[in-house]
Amino acid sequence: MHTYSKTDSLLWTGRKSGQQFYLHEKVVFIELNYDKFPSINTPAWAILGYACDEGVKRNEGRIGAVLGPDAIRKQLAKLPNHLSESTLLMDVGTIDCKDGDLKKTQTVLARTVTQILMQNTFPIVIGGGHDIAFGHYNGIKKYLEAEGGKKTIGIINFDAHFDLRQNESNNNSGTPFYQIAQECKLDKSRFKYMCLGIREDANSKILFETAKELGVSFIEKKHFNLLHFNKIKKGIEDFIADVDHIYTTIDMDGFSSAYAPGVSAASPMGFSPEMVLECLKIIIDSKKMISLDIAEMNPTYDIDQQTAKLAASLIHFVIHNYH
């Protein structure tokens, strides 16, 4: 696999208990080029890195998200392990973009996500720019096609931005959901996309128009809070009921910079971790979530690893609440 590298196990360090009290003592390392997946008859998670900020660079954002996967790994490693003994937690390496070929990197990501899903394993992809979404979605799509039948994929994106920019000049971190929408038109699939936390000061008028034209469901940041939770909960549940599977993607720049300063496009006007956790509970409880990614973690601008710790805690929440 040309753009693939195995994870350095030294990234996964922390307190030693000798009894797997911490995730660094639980994790198993898999090199996809050589190692076979363990025989899986129990819940299994695969952490896959997407070390790429070529899309951010093209989108004129602050580069540095290429370092995001390893920064998240370091913080996840230290967290306590409450998983059952039979549950598998695997680190399956990283997709790298070392030559600036974003399309190739997304293609390899898609192929790898399909491979993980074929092994009855839940992928958690950590990035990296939000161009992660185009490759990730296509990996899920190829897996479902191989399984047979016409299954619909609903995308739930926690984000300040629609990422629906047209890709006439090139693909970048601001175009993934527009690209997915165009693919859905070509194969007559339904484009089902919900975006939570949209900010008016982070999207142009044309992007709001594009969202309406494409039938995107969205909740603006001014309403994305616990005061409106009952209405938000119903909106999410209605969206989920209309699809077969949910692909969840969390853009770290959707959070307020009070919680997540280490992102490509920081703003103090973002949403709170509590709001995301409450919504994740709804998605998890639906039993339709098939895959998850976390995008735009940029260690270059982080403060005391705060953003990396938040990303790690989100992963910790998902793997310990998914049944």
C-alpha atoms as a PDB file:
ATOM      1  CA  MET A   1       0.000   0.000   0.000  1.00  0.00           C
ATOM      2  CA  HIS A   2       1.946   2.977  -1.316  1.00  0.00           C
ATOM      3  CA  THR A   3       0.729   5.693   1.072  1.00  0.00           C
ATOM      4  CA  TYR A   4       0.514   3.556   4.199  1.00  0.00           C
ATOM      5  CA  SER A   5       2.703   3.369   7.317  1.00  0.00           C
ATOM      6  CA  LYS A   6       2.532   1.260  10.452  1.00  0.00           C
ATOM      7  CA  THR A   7       2.030   3.044  13.781  1.00  0.00           C
ATOM      8  CA  ASP A   8       5.003   3.537  16.063  1.00  0.00           C
ATOM      9  CA  SER A   9       4.005   1.675  19.235  1.00  0.00           C
ATOM     10  CA  LEU A  10       5.934   4.244  21.332  1.00  0.00           C
ATOM     11  CA  LEU A  11       3.085   6.695  20.676  1.00  0.00           C
ATOM     12  CA  TRP A  12       0.936   4.536  22.910  1.00  0.00           C
ATOM     13  CA  THR A  13       2.451   5.052  26.350  1.00  0.00           C
ATOM     14  CA  GLY A  14       1.196   5.984  29.810  1.00  0.00           C
ATOM     15  CA  ARG A  15       0.888   4.665  33.331  1.00  0.00           C
ATOM     16  CA  LYS A  16       1.569   0.955  33.627  1.00  0.00           C
ATOM     17  CA  SER A  17      -0.815  -1.242  35.563  1.00  0.00           C
ATOM     18  CA  GLY A  18       0.025  -4.664  34.176  1.00  0.00           C
ATOM     19  CA  GLN A  19      -3.744  -5.316  34.127  1.00  0.00           C
ATOM     20  CA  GLN A  20      -4.857  -3.336  31.066  1.00  0.00           C
ATOM     21  CA  PHE A  21      -6.260  -0.495  33.150  1.00  0.00           C
ATOM     22  CA  TYR A  22      -5.216   1.922  30.383  1.00  0.00           C
ATOM     23  CA  LEU A  23      -5.840   1.881  26.651  1.00  0.00           C
ATOM     24  CA  HIS A  24      -2.139   1.778  25.763  1.00  0.00           C
ATOM     25  CA  GLU A  25      -2.063  -1.614  27.507  1.00  0.00           C
ATOM     26  CA  LYS A  26      -5.146  -2.783  25.590  1.00  0.00           C
ATOM     27  CA  VAL A  27      -4.294  -1.763  22.033  1.00  0.00           C
ATOM     28  CA  VAL A  28      -3.046  -4.271  19.438  1.00  0.00           C
ATOM     29  CA  PHE A  29      -0.983  -3.129  16.449  1.00  0.00           C
ATOM     30  CA  ILE A  30      -1.847  -4.379  12.973  1.00  0.00           C
ATOM     31  CA  GLU A  31       0.223  -3.706   9.864  1.00  0.00           C
ATOM     32  CA  LEU A  32      -2.276  -3.992   7.046  1.00  0.00           C
ATOM     33  CA  ASN A  33       0.382  -4.911   4.470  1.00  0.00           C
ATOM     34  CA  TYR A  34       1.432  -8.042   6.326  1.00  0.00           C
ATOM     35  CA  ASP A  35      -0.634  -8.859   9.401  1.00  0.00           C
ATOM     36  CA  LYS A  36      -3.929 -10.680   9.322  1.00  0.00           C
ATOM     37  CA  PHE A  37      -6.793  -9.344  11.376  1.00  0.00           C
ATOM     38  CA  PRO A  38      -7.439 -11.402  14.497  1.00  0.00           C
ATOM     39  CA  SER A  39     -10.405 -13.769  14.301  1.00  0.00           C
ATOM     40  CA  ILE A  40     -13.212 -11.417  15.262  1.00  0.00           C
ATOM     41  CA  ASN A  41     -16.367 -12.682  16.929  1.00  0.00           C
ATOM     42  CA  THR A  42     -16.570  -9.852  19.454  1.00  0.00           C
ATOM     43  CA  PRO A  43     -16.806  -6.050  19.252  1.00  0.00           C
ATOM     44  CA  ALA A  44     -13.751  -4.624  17.491  1.00  0.00           C
ATOM     45  CA  TRP A  45     -12.430  -1.120  16.852  1.00  0.00           C
ATOM     46  CA  ALA A  46      -9.766  -0.065  14.380  1.00  0.00           C
ATOM     47  CA  ILE A  47      -7.976   3.271  14.774  1.00  0.00           C
ATOM     48  CA  LEU A  48      -6.769   4.477  11.353  1.00  0.00           C
ATOM     49  CA  GLY A  49      -4.790   7.668  10.855  1.00  0.00           C
ATOM     50  CA  TYR A  50      -5.202  10.066   7.917  1.00  0.00           C
ATOM     51  CA  ALA A  51      -2.031  12.164   7.920  1.00  0.00           C
ATOM     52  CA  CYS A  52      -2.967  14.699   5.288  1.00  0.00           C
ATOM     53  CA  ASP A  53      -3.429  18.442   5.210  1.00  0.00           C
ATOM     54  CA  GLU A  54      -3.004  18.891   1.465  1.00  0.00           C
ATOM     55  CA  GLY A  55      -6.727  19.676   1.274  1.00  0.00           C
ATOM     56  CA  VAL A  56      -6.387  22.305   4.017  1.00  0.00           C
ATOM     57  CA  LYS A  57      -3.492  23.881   2.143  1.00  0.00           C
ATOM     58  CA  ARG A  58      -5.536  24.032  -1.062  1.00  0.00           C
ATOM     59  CA  ASN A  59      -8.394  25.577   0.903  1.00  0.00           C
ATOM     60  CA  GLU A  60      -6.034  28.281   2.192  1.00  0.00           C
ATOM     61  CA  GLY A  61      -6.302  27.071   5.774  1.00  0.00           C
ATOM     62  CA  ARG A  62      -3.628  26.774   8.452  1.00  0.00           C
ATOM     63  CA  ILE A  63      -1.561  23.669   7.753  1.00  0.00           C
ATOM     64  CA  GLY A  64      -0.504  21.287  10.514  1.00  0.00           C
ATOM     65  CA  ALA A  65      -3.380  18.778  10.611  1.00  0.00           C
ATOM     66  CA  VAL A  66      -1.027  16.217   9.064  1.00  0.00           C
ATOM     67  CA  LEU A  67       0.285  15.796  12.633  1.00  0.00           C
ATOM     68  CA  GLY A  68      -3.198  15.278  14.071  1.00  0.00           C
ATOM     69  CA  PRO A  69      -3.411  11.466  14.077  1.00  0.00           C
ATOM     70  CA  ASP A  70      -0.333  10.897  16.239  1.00  0.00           C
ATOM     71  CA  ALA A  71      -1.272  13.737  18.606  1.00  0.00           C
ATOM     72  CA  ILE A  72      -4.664  12.100  19.201  1.00  0.00           C
ATOM     73  CA  ARG A  73      -3.081   8.671  19.648  1.00  0.00           C
ATOM     74  CA  LYS A  74      -0.778   9.983  22.380  1.00  0.00           C
ATOM     75  CA  GLN A  75      -3.733  11.304  24.394  1.00  0.00           C
ATOM     76  CA  LEU A  76      -5.993   8.314  23.772  1.00  0.00           C
ATOM     77  CA  ALA A  77      -3.252   5.984  25.000  1.00  0.00           C
ATOM     78  CA  LYS A  78      -3.346   7.515  28.495  1.00  0.00           C
ATOM     79  CA  LEU A  79      -7.089   7.145  29.025  1.00  0.00           C
ATOM     80  CA  PRO A  80      -8.553   4.409  31.238  1.00  0.00           C
ATOM     81  CA  ASN A  81      -9.757   1.161  29.720  1.00  0.00           C
ATOM     82  CA  HIS A  82     -13.286   0.071  30.620  1.00  0.00           C
ATOM     83  CA  LEU A  83     -13.746  -2.219  27.615  1.00  0.00           C
ATOM     84  CA  SER A  84     -14.553  -5.871  28.118  1.00  0.00           C
ATOM     85  CA  GLU A  85     -11.661  -8.292  27.954  1.00  0.00           C
ATOM     86  CA  SER A  86     -12.992  -9.745  24.705  1.00  0.00           C
ATOM     87  CA  THR A  87     -13.327  -6.378  22.930  1.00  0.00           C
ATOM     88  CA  LEU A  88     -10.536  -5.722  20.449  1.00  0.00           C
ATOM     89  CA  LEU A  89      -8.924  -2.289  20.133  1.00  0.00           C
ATOM     90  CA  MET A  90      -6.546  -2.144  17.178  1.00  0.00           C
ATOM     91  CA  ASP A  91      -4.308   0.528  15.725  1.00  0.00           C
ATOM     92  CA  VAL A  92      -4.066  -0.305  12.043  1.00  0.00           C
ATOM     93  CA  GLY A  93      -1.640   2.404  10.935  1.00  0.00           C
ATOM     94  CA  THR A  94      -1.883   5.623   8.944  1.00  0.00           C
ATOM     95  CA  ILE A  95      -2.664   6.710   5.405  1.00  0.00           C
ATOM     96  CA  ASP A  96      -0.039   9.322   4.474  1.00  0.00           C
ATOM     97  CA  CYS A  97      -0.084  12.043   1.830  1.00  0.00           C
ATOM     98  CA  LYS A  98       3.602  12.638   1.239  1.00  0.00           C
ATOM     99  CA  ASP A  99       3.550  13.637  -2.416  1.00  0.00           C
ATOM    100  CA  GLY A 100       0.607  16.080  -2.468  1.00  0.00           C
ATOM    101  CA  ASP A 101      -1.589  13.637  -4.409  1.00  0.00           C
ATOM    102  CA  LEU A 102      -4.862  14.123  -2.533  1.00  0.00           C
ATOM    103  CA  LYS A 103      -6.944  12.009  -4.908  1.00  0.00           C
ATOM    104  CA  LYS A 104      -4.638   9.013  -4.500  1.00  0.00           C
ATOM    105  CA  THR A 105      -4.603   9.418  -0.725  1.00  0.00           C
ATOM    106  CA  GLN A 106      -8.418   9.502  -0.599  1.00  0.00           C
ATOM    107  CA  THR A 107      -8.564   6.414  -2.842  1.00  0.00           C
ATOM    108  CA  VAL A 108      -6.251   4.496  -0.508  1.00  0.00           C
ATOM    109  CA  LEU A 109      -8.313   5.649   2.473  1.00  0.00           C
ATOM    110  CA  ALA A 110     -11.506   4.393   0.831  1.00  0.00           C
ATOM    111  CA  ARG A 111      -9.946   1.016   0.081  1.00  0.00           C
ATOM    112  CA  THR A 112      -8.656   0.704   3.650  1.00  0.00           C
ATOM    113  CA  VAL A 113     -11.999   1.615   5.233  1.00  0.00           C
ATOM    114  CA  THR A 114     -13.666  -1.047   3.069  1.00  0.00           C
ATOM    115  CA  GLN A 115     -11.043  -3.571   4.196  1.00  0.00           C
ATOM    116  CA  ILE A 116     -11.684  -2.781   7.871  1.00  0.00           C
ATOM    117  CA  LEU A 117     -15.459  -3.043   7.533  1.00  0.00           C
ATOM    118  CA  MET A 118     -15.077  -6.363   5.703  1.00  0.00           C
ATOM    119  CA  GLN A 119     -13.379  -7.658   8.852  1.00  0.00           C
ATOM    120  CA  ASN A 120     -16.489  -6.944  10.945  1.00  0.00           C
ATOM    121  CA  THR A 121     -14.632  -4.071  12.592  1.00  0.00           C
ATOM    122  CA  PHE A 122     -15.722  -0.490  13.294  1.00  0.00           C
ATOM    123  CA  PRO A 123     -13.354   2.093  11.739  1.00  0.00           C
ATOM    124  CA  ILE A 124     -12.395   5.232  13.651  1.00  0.00           C
ATOM    125  CA  VAL A 125     -10.424   7.439  11.286  1.00  0.00           C
ATOM    126  CA  ILE A 126      -8.408  10.305  12.777  1.00  0.00           C
ATOM    127  CA  GLY A 127      -7.114  13.236  10.739  1.00  0.00           C
ATOM    128  CA  GLY A 128      -6.092  15.239   9.063  1.00  0.00           C
ATOM    129  CA  GLY A 129      -8.132  17.676   6.960  1.00  0.00           C
ATOM    130  CA  HIS A 130     -11.865  17.261   6.393  1.00  0.00           C
ATOM    131  CA  ASP A 131     -11.126  15.945   2.912  1.00  0.00           C
ATOM    132  CA  ILE A 132     -11.005  12.748   4.978  1.00  0.00           C
ATOM    133  CA  ALA A 133     -14.787  12.595   4.478  1.00  0.00           C
ATOM    134  CA  PHE A 134     -14.730  11.933   0.735  1.00  0.00           C
ATOM    135  CA  GLY A 135     -12.460   8.904   1.005  1.00  0.00           C
ATOM    136  CA  HIS A 136     -14.162   7.651   4.156  1.00  0.00           C
ATOM    137  CA  TYR A 137     -17.651   7.844   2.670  1.00  0.00           C
ATOM    138  CA  ASN A 138     -16.575   5.998  -0.468  1.00  0.00           C
ATOM    139  CA  GLY A 139     -15.010   3.252   1.620  1.00  0.00           C
ATOM    140  CA  ILE A 140     -18.320   2.719   3.430  1.00  0.00           C
ATOM    141  CA  LYS A 141     -20.186   2.835   0.114  1.00  0.00           C
ATOM    142  CA  LYS A 142     -17.940   0.202  -1.504  1.00  0.00           C
ATOM    143  CA  TYR A 143     -18.345  -2.058   1.512  1.00  0.00           C
ATOM    144  CA  LEU A 144     -22.145  -1.850   1.415  1.00  0.00           C
ATOM    145  CA  GLU A 145     -22.163  -2.464  -2.341  1.00  0.00           C
ATOM    146  CA  ALA A 146     -20.055  -5.596  -1.823  1.00  0.00           C
ATOM    147  CA  GLU A 147     -22.479  -6.772   0.837  1.00  0.00           C
ATOM    148  CA  GLY A 148     -25.323  -6.513  -1.679  1.00  0.00           C
ATOM    149  CA  GLY A 149     -28.535  -4.540  -1.708  1.00  0.00           C
ATOM    150  CA  LYS A 150     -29.066  -0.800  -1.926  1.00  0.00           C
ATOM    151  CA  LYS A 151     -28.347   0.652   1.486  1.00  0.00           C
ATOM    152  CA  THR A 152     -28.619   4.368   2.181  1.00  0.00           C
ATOM    153  CA  ILE A 153     -25.866   6.194   4.052  1.00  0.00           C
ATOM    154  CA  GLY A 154     -26.771   9.196   6.158  1.00  0.00           C
ATOM    155  CA  ILE A 155     -23.953  11.599   6.975  1.00  0.00           C
ATOM    156  CA  ILE A 156     -24.087  13.472  10.275  1.00  0.00           C
ATOM    157  CA  ASN A 157     -21.428  16.158  10.452  1.00  0.00           C
ATOM    158  CA  PHE A 158     -20.640  18.184  13.583  1.00  0.00           C
ATOM    159  CA  ASP A 159     -19.139  21.280  12.011  1.00  0.00           C
ATOM    160  CA  ALA A 160     -19.191  25.048  11.716  1.00  0.00           C
ATOM    161  CA  HIS A 161     -18.867  24.708   7.931  1.00  0.00           C
ATOM    162  CA  PHE A 162     -20.999  22.985   5.297  1.00  0.00           C
ATOM    163  CA  ASP A 163     -17.889  21.941   3.300  1.00  0.00           C
ATOM    164  CA  LEU A 164     -20.035  22.181   0.170  1.00  0.00           C
ATOM    165  CA  ARG A 165     -17.673  24.304  -1.898  1.00  0.00           C
ATOM    166  CA  GLN A 166     -17.648  23.414  -5.582  1.00  0.00           C
ATOM    167  CA  ASN A 167     -14.528  21.574  -6.704  1.00  0.00           C
ATOM    168  CA  GLU A 168     -14.141  23.041 -10.183  1.00  0.00           C
ATOM    169  CA  SER A 169     -10.522  24.104  -9.556  1.00  0.00           C
ATOM    170  CA  ASN A 170      -9.508  21.256  -7.246  1.00  0.00           C
ATOM    171  CA  ASN A 171     -10.663  19.014  -4.420  1.00  0.00           C
ATOM    172  CA  ASN A 172      -9.859  20.321  -0.951  1.00  0.00           C
ATOM    173  CA  SER A 173     -10.968  20.245   2.672  1.00  0.00           C
ATOM    174  CA  GLY A 174     -13.963  22.458   1.844  1.00  0.00           C
ATOM    175  CA  THR A 175     -15.390  20.308  -0.982  1.00  0.00           C
ATOM    176  CA  PRO A 176     -15.965  16.733   0.318  1.00  0.00           C
ATOM    177  CA  PHE A 177     -19.732  16.808   0.774  1.00  0.00           C
ATOM    178  CA  TYR A 178     -20.273  18.589  -2.535  1.00  0.00           C
ATOM    179  CA  GLN A 179     -18.228  15.822  -4.186  1.00  0.00           C
ATOM    180  CA  ILE A 180     -20.338  13.184  -2.456  1.00  0.00           C
ATOM    181  CA  ALA A 181     -23.526  14.943  -3.583  1.00  0.00           C
ATOM    182  CA  GLN A 182     -22.326  14.913  -7.201  1.00  0.00           C
ATOM    183  CA  GLU A 183     -21.484  11.207  -6.992  1.00  0.00           C
ATOM    184  CA  CYS A 184     -24.941  10.490  -5.601  1.00  0.00           C
ATOM    185  CA  LYS A 185     -26.459  12.241  -8.636  1.00  0.00           C
ATOM    186  CA  LEU A 186     -24.422  10.077 -10.999  1.00  0.00           C
ATOM    187  CA  ASP A 187     -25.468   6.762  -9.446  1.00  0.00           C
ATOM    188  CA  LYS A 188     -28.951   7.988  -8.500  1.00  0.00           C
ATOM    189  CA  SER A 189     -28.316   7.509  -4.800  1.00  0.00           C
ATOM    190  CA  ARG A 190     -29.956   9.716  -2.230  1.00  0.00           C
ATOM    191  CA  PHE A 191     -27.696  12.388  -0.789  1.00  0.00           C
ATOM    192  CA  LYS A 192     -28.552  12.410   2.909  1.00  0.00           C
ATOM    193  CA  TYR A 193     -26.534  14.960   4.832  1.00  0.00           C
ATOM    194  CA  MET A 194     -27.151  16.618   8.193  1.00  0.00           C
ATOM    195  CA  CYS A 195     -24.824  19.301   9.547  1.00  0.00           C
ATOM    196  CA  LEU A 196     -24.960  20.319  13.202  1.00  0.00           C
ATOM    197  CA  GLY A 197     -23.495  23.610  14.432  1.00  0.00           C
ATOM    198  CA  ILE A 198     -23.419  25.642  11.223  1.00  0.00           C
ATOM    199  CA  ARG A 199     -22.307  29.242  11.728  1.00  0.00           C
ATOM    200  CA  GLU A 200     -23.519  32.105   9.583  1.00  0.00           C
ATOM    201  CA  ASP A 201     -20.164  33.832  10.025  1.00  0.00           C
ATOM    202  CA  ALA A 202     -18.321  30.756   8.692  1.00  0.00           C
ATOM    203  CA  ASN A 203     -20.281  30.128   5.461  1.00  0.00           C
ATOM    204  CA  SER A 204     -20.947  32.356   2.496  1.00  0.00           C
ATOM    205  CA  LYS A 205     -24.431  33.067   1.157  1.00  0.00           C
ATOM    206  CA  ILE A 206     -23.795  30.742  -1.803  1.00  0.00           C
ATOM    207  CA  LEU A 207     -23.038  27.849   0.564  1.00  0.00           C
ATOM    208  CA  PHE A 208     -26.390  28.276   2.329  1.00  0.00           C
ATOM    209  CA  GLU A 209     -28.044  28.319  -1.111  1.00  0.00           C
ATOM    210  CA  THR A 210     -26.149  25.174  -2.144  1.00  0.00           C
ATOM    211  CA  ALA A 211     -27.212  23.433   1.055  1.00  0.00           C
ATOM    212  CA  LYS A 212     -30.869  24.216   0.364  1.00  0.00           C
ATOM    213  CA  GLU A 213     -30.592  23.113  -3.274  1.00  0.00           C
ATOM    214  CA  LEU A 214     -29.098  19.786  -2.183  1.00  0.00           C
ATOM    215  CA  GLY A 215     -31.699  19.215   0.536  1.00  0.00           C
ATOM    216  CA  VAL A 216     -29.197  19.373   3.385  1.00  0.00           C
ATOM    217  CA  SER A 217     -30.611  19.249   6.910  1.00  0.00           C
ATOM    218  CA  PHE A 218     -28.800  21.646   9.213  1.00  0.00           C
ATOM    219  CA  ILE A 219     -29.017  23.289  12.606  1.00  0.00           C
ATOM    220  CA  GLU A 220     -27.301  26.610  13.072  1.00  0.00           C
ATOM    221  CA  LYS A 221     -24.990  27.177  16.006  1.00  0.00           C
ATOM    222  CA  LYS A 222     -27.361  29.754  17.525  1.00  0.00           C
ATOM    223  CA  HIS A 223     -29.890  26.942  18.024  1.00  0.00           C
ATOM    224  CA  PHE A 224     -27.397  24.135  18.653  1.00  0.00           C
ATOM    225  CA  ASN A 225     -27.494  24.135  22.445  1.00  0.00           C
ATOM    226  CA  LEU A 226     -29.201  22.361  25.323  1.00  0.00           C
ATOM    227  CA  LEU A 227     -32.020  24.937  25.467  1.00  0.00           C
ATOM    228  CA  HIS A 228     -33.254  23.554  22.127  1.00  0.00           C
ATOM    229  CA  PHE A 229     -32.283  19.941  22.802  1.00  0.00           C
ATOM    230  CA  ASN A 230     -35.726  18.334  22.477  1.00  0.00           C
ATOM    231  CA  LYS A 231     -36.181  19.793  19.009  1.00  0.00           C
ATOM    232  CA  ILE A 232     -32.639  18.840  18.026  1.00  0.00           C
ATOM    233  CA  LYS A 233     -33.162  15.295  19.290  1.00  0.00           C
ATOM    234  CA  LYS A 234     -36.289  14.882  17.176  1.00  0.00           C
ATOM    235  CA  GLY A 235     -34.510  16.269  14.116  1.00  0.00           C
ATOM    236  CA  ILE A 236     -31.646  13.804  14.495  1.00  0.00           C
ATOM    237  CA  GLU A 237     -33.985  10.885  15.129  1.00  0.00           C
ATOM    238  CA  ASP A 238     -36.085  11.759  12.068  1.00  0.00           C
ATOM    239  CA  PHE A 239     -32.946  11.975   9.929  1.00  0.00           C
ATOM    240  CA  ILE A 240     -31.667   8.612  11.201  1.00  0.00           C
ATOM    241  CA  ALA A 241     -35.034   6.923  10.633  1.00  0.00           C
ATOM    242  CA  ASP A 242     -34.808   7.764   6.928  1.00  0.00           C
ATOM    243  CA  VAL A 243     -31.500   5.943   6.286  1.00  0.00           C
ATOM    244  CA  ASP A 244     -29.975   2.496   6.778  1.00  0.00           C
ATOM    245  CA  HIS A 245     -26.569   3.508   8.147  1.00  0.00           C
ATOM    246  CA  ILE A 246     -24.990   6.576   9.739  1.00  0.00           C
ATOM    247  CA  TYR A 247     -21.498   7.821   9.011  1.00  0.00           C
ATOM    248  CA  THR A 248     -20.554  10.319  11.734  1.00  0.00           C
ATOM    249  CA  THR A 249     -17.858  12.919  11.187  1.00  0.00           C
ATOM    250  CA  ILE A 250     -16.676  15.436  13.782  1.00  0.00           C
ATOM    251  CA  ASP A 251     -14.778  18.510  12.636  1.00  0.00           C
ATOM    252  CA  MET A 252     -12.831  19.824  15.616  1.00  0.00           C
ATOM    253  CA  ASP A 253     -13.088  23.397  14.342  1.00  0.00           C
ATOM    254  CA  GLY A 254     -16.810  23.277  15.080  1.00  0.00           C
ATOM    255  CA  PHE A 255     -16.003  23.489  18.792  1.00  0.00           C
ATOM    256  CA  SER A 256     -15.375  26.822  20.406  1.00  0.00           C
ATOM    257  CA  SER A 257     -11.662  27.610  20.550  1.00  0.00           C
ATOM    258  CA  ALA A 258     -12.145  27.695  24.330  1.00  0.00           C
ATOM    259  CA  TYR A 259     -12.259  23.896  24.032  1.00  0.00           C
ATOM    260  CA  ALA A 260     -10.376  23.307  20.781  1.00  0.00           C
ATOM    261  CA  PRO A 261      -7.724  25.886  19.900  1.00  0.00           C
ATOM    262  CA  GLY A 262      -5.693  23.379  17.883  1.00  0.00           C
ATOM    263  CA  VAL A 263      -7.612  23.376  14.620  1.00  0.00           C
ATOM    264  CA  SER A 264      -7.197  24.682  11.089  1.00  0.00           C
ATOM    265  CA  ALA A 265      -9.910  27.366  11.458  1.00  0.00           C
ATOM    266  CA  ALA A 266     -10.405  28.304  15.102  1.00  0.00           C
ATOM    267  CA  SER A 267     -13.246  30.482  16.435  1.00  0.00           C
ATOM    268  CA  PRO A 268     -14.542  31.280  19.933  1.00  0.00           C
ATOM    269  CA  MET A 269     -18.091  31.095  18.556  1.00  0.00           C
ATOM    270  CA  GLY A 270     -18.285  27.298  18.257  1.00  0.00           C
ATOM    271  CA  PHE A 271     -20.305  24.691  20.140  1.00  0.00           C
ATOM    272  CA  SER A 272     -19.567  22.843  23.385  1.00  0.00           C
ATOM    273  CA  PRO A 273     -18.419  19.251  24.042  1.00  0.00           C
ATOM    274  CA  GLU A 274     -21.547  18.574  26.131  1.00  0.00           C
ATOM    275  CA  MET A 275     -23.776  19.256  23.141  1.00  0.00           C
ATOM    276  CA  VAL A 276     -21.836  16.860  20.923  1.00  0.00           C
ATOM    277  CA  LEU A 277     -21.861  14.118  23.556  1.00  0.00           C
ATOM    278  CA  GLU A 278     -25.634  14.361  23.966  1.00  0.00           C
ATOM    279  CA  CYS A 279     -26.101  14.070  20.198  1.00  0.00           C
ATOM    280  CA  LEU A 280     -23.632  11.204  19.936  1.00  0.00           C
ATOM    281  CA  LYS A 281     -25.767   9.316  22.473  1.00  0.00           C
ATOM    282  CA  ILE A 282     -28.742   9.604  20.106  1.00  0.00           C
ATOM    283  CA  ILE A 283     -26.705   8.354  17.148  1.00  0.00           C
ATOM    284  CA  ILE A 284     -25.187   5.477  19.124  1.00  0.00           C
ATOM    285  CA  ASP A 285     -28.556   4.428  20.550  1.00  0.00           C
ATOM    286  CA  SER A 286     -29.967   4.150  17.013  1.00  0.00           C
ATOM    287  CA  LYS A 287     -27.563   1.226  16.398  1.00  0.00           C
ATOM    288  CA  LYS A 288     -27.103   2.498  12.844  1.00  0.00           C
ATOM    289  CA  MET A 289     -23.695   4.132  13.164  1.00  0.00           C
ATOM    290  CA  ILE A 290     -21.271   2.268  10.909  1.00  0.00           C
ATOM    291  CA  SER A 291     -18.166   4.456  11.097  1.00  0.00           C
ATOM    292  CA  LEU A 292     -16.673   7.588  12.672  1.00  0.00           C
ATOM    293  CA  ASP A 293     -13.969  10.082  11.912  1.00  0.00           C
ATOM    294  CA  ILE A 294     -12.460  13.131  13.587  1.00  0.00           C
ATOM    295  CA  ALA A 295     -11.054  15.858  11.342  1.00  0.00           C
ATOM    296  CA  GLU A 296      -9.009  19.065  11.485  1.00  0.00           C
ATOM    297  CA  MET A 297      -7.050  18.374  14.688  1.00  0.00           C
ATOM    298  CA  ASN A 298      -4.020  20.653  14.250  1.00  0.00           C
ATOM    299  CA  PRO A 299      -1.329  20.209  16.954  1.00  0.00           C
ATOM    300  CA  THR A 300       0.650  23.195  15.653  1.00  0.00           C
ATOM    301  CA  TYR A 301      -1.872  25.553  17.262  1.00  0.00           C
ATOM    302  CA  ASP A 302      -2.900  23.431  20.248  1.00  0.00           C
ATOM    303  CA  ILE A 303      -2.520  24.637  23.843  1.00  0.00           C
ATOM    304  CA  ASP A 304      -1.509  22.062  26.465  1.00  0.00           C
ATOM    305  CA  GLN A 305      -2.752  19.297  24.105  1.00  0.00           C
ATOM    306  CA  GLN A 306      -6.292  20.495  24.885  1.00  0.00           C
ATOM    307  CA  THR A 307      -7.711  19.753  21.428  1.00  0.00           C
ATOM    308  CA  ALA A 308      -5.979  16.390  21.144  1.00  0.00           C
ATOM    309  CA  LYS A 309      -7.342  15.483  24.580  1.00  0.00           C
ATOM    310  CA  LEU A 310     -10.857  16.466  23.518  1.00  0.00           C
ATOM    311  CA  ALA A 311     -10.601  14.368  20.347  1.00  0.00           C
ATOM    312  CA  ALA A 312      -9.318  11.414  22.373  1.00  0.00           C
ATOM    313  CA  SER A 313     -12.143  11.786  24.903  1.00  0.00           C
ATOM    314  CA  LEU A 314     -14.726  11.764  22.104  1.00  0.00           C
ATOM    315  CA  ILE A 315     -13.301   8.477  20.830  1.00  0.00           C
ATOM    316  CA  HIS A 316     -13.213   7.114  24.386  1.00  0.00           C
ATOM    317  CA  PHE A 317     -16.887   8.038  24.798  1.00  0.00           C
ATOM    318  CA  VAL A 318     -17.926   6.295  21.577  1.00  0.00           C
ATOM    319  CA  ILE A 319     -16.069   3.028  22.132  1.00  0.00           C
ATOM    320  CA  HIS A 320     -17.331   2.753  25.701  1.00  0.00           C
ATOM    321  CA  ASN A 321     -20.971   3.563  24.938  1.00  0.00           C
ATOM    322  CA  TYR A 322     -21.480   1.690  21.665  1.00  0.00           C
ATOM    323  CA  HIS A 323     -23.285  -1.611  22.213  1.00  0.00           C
END
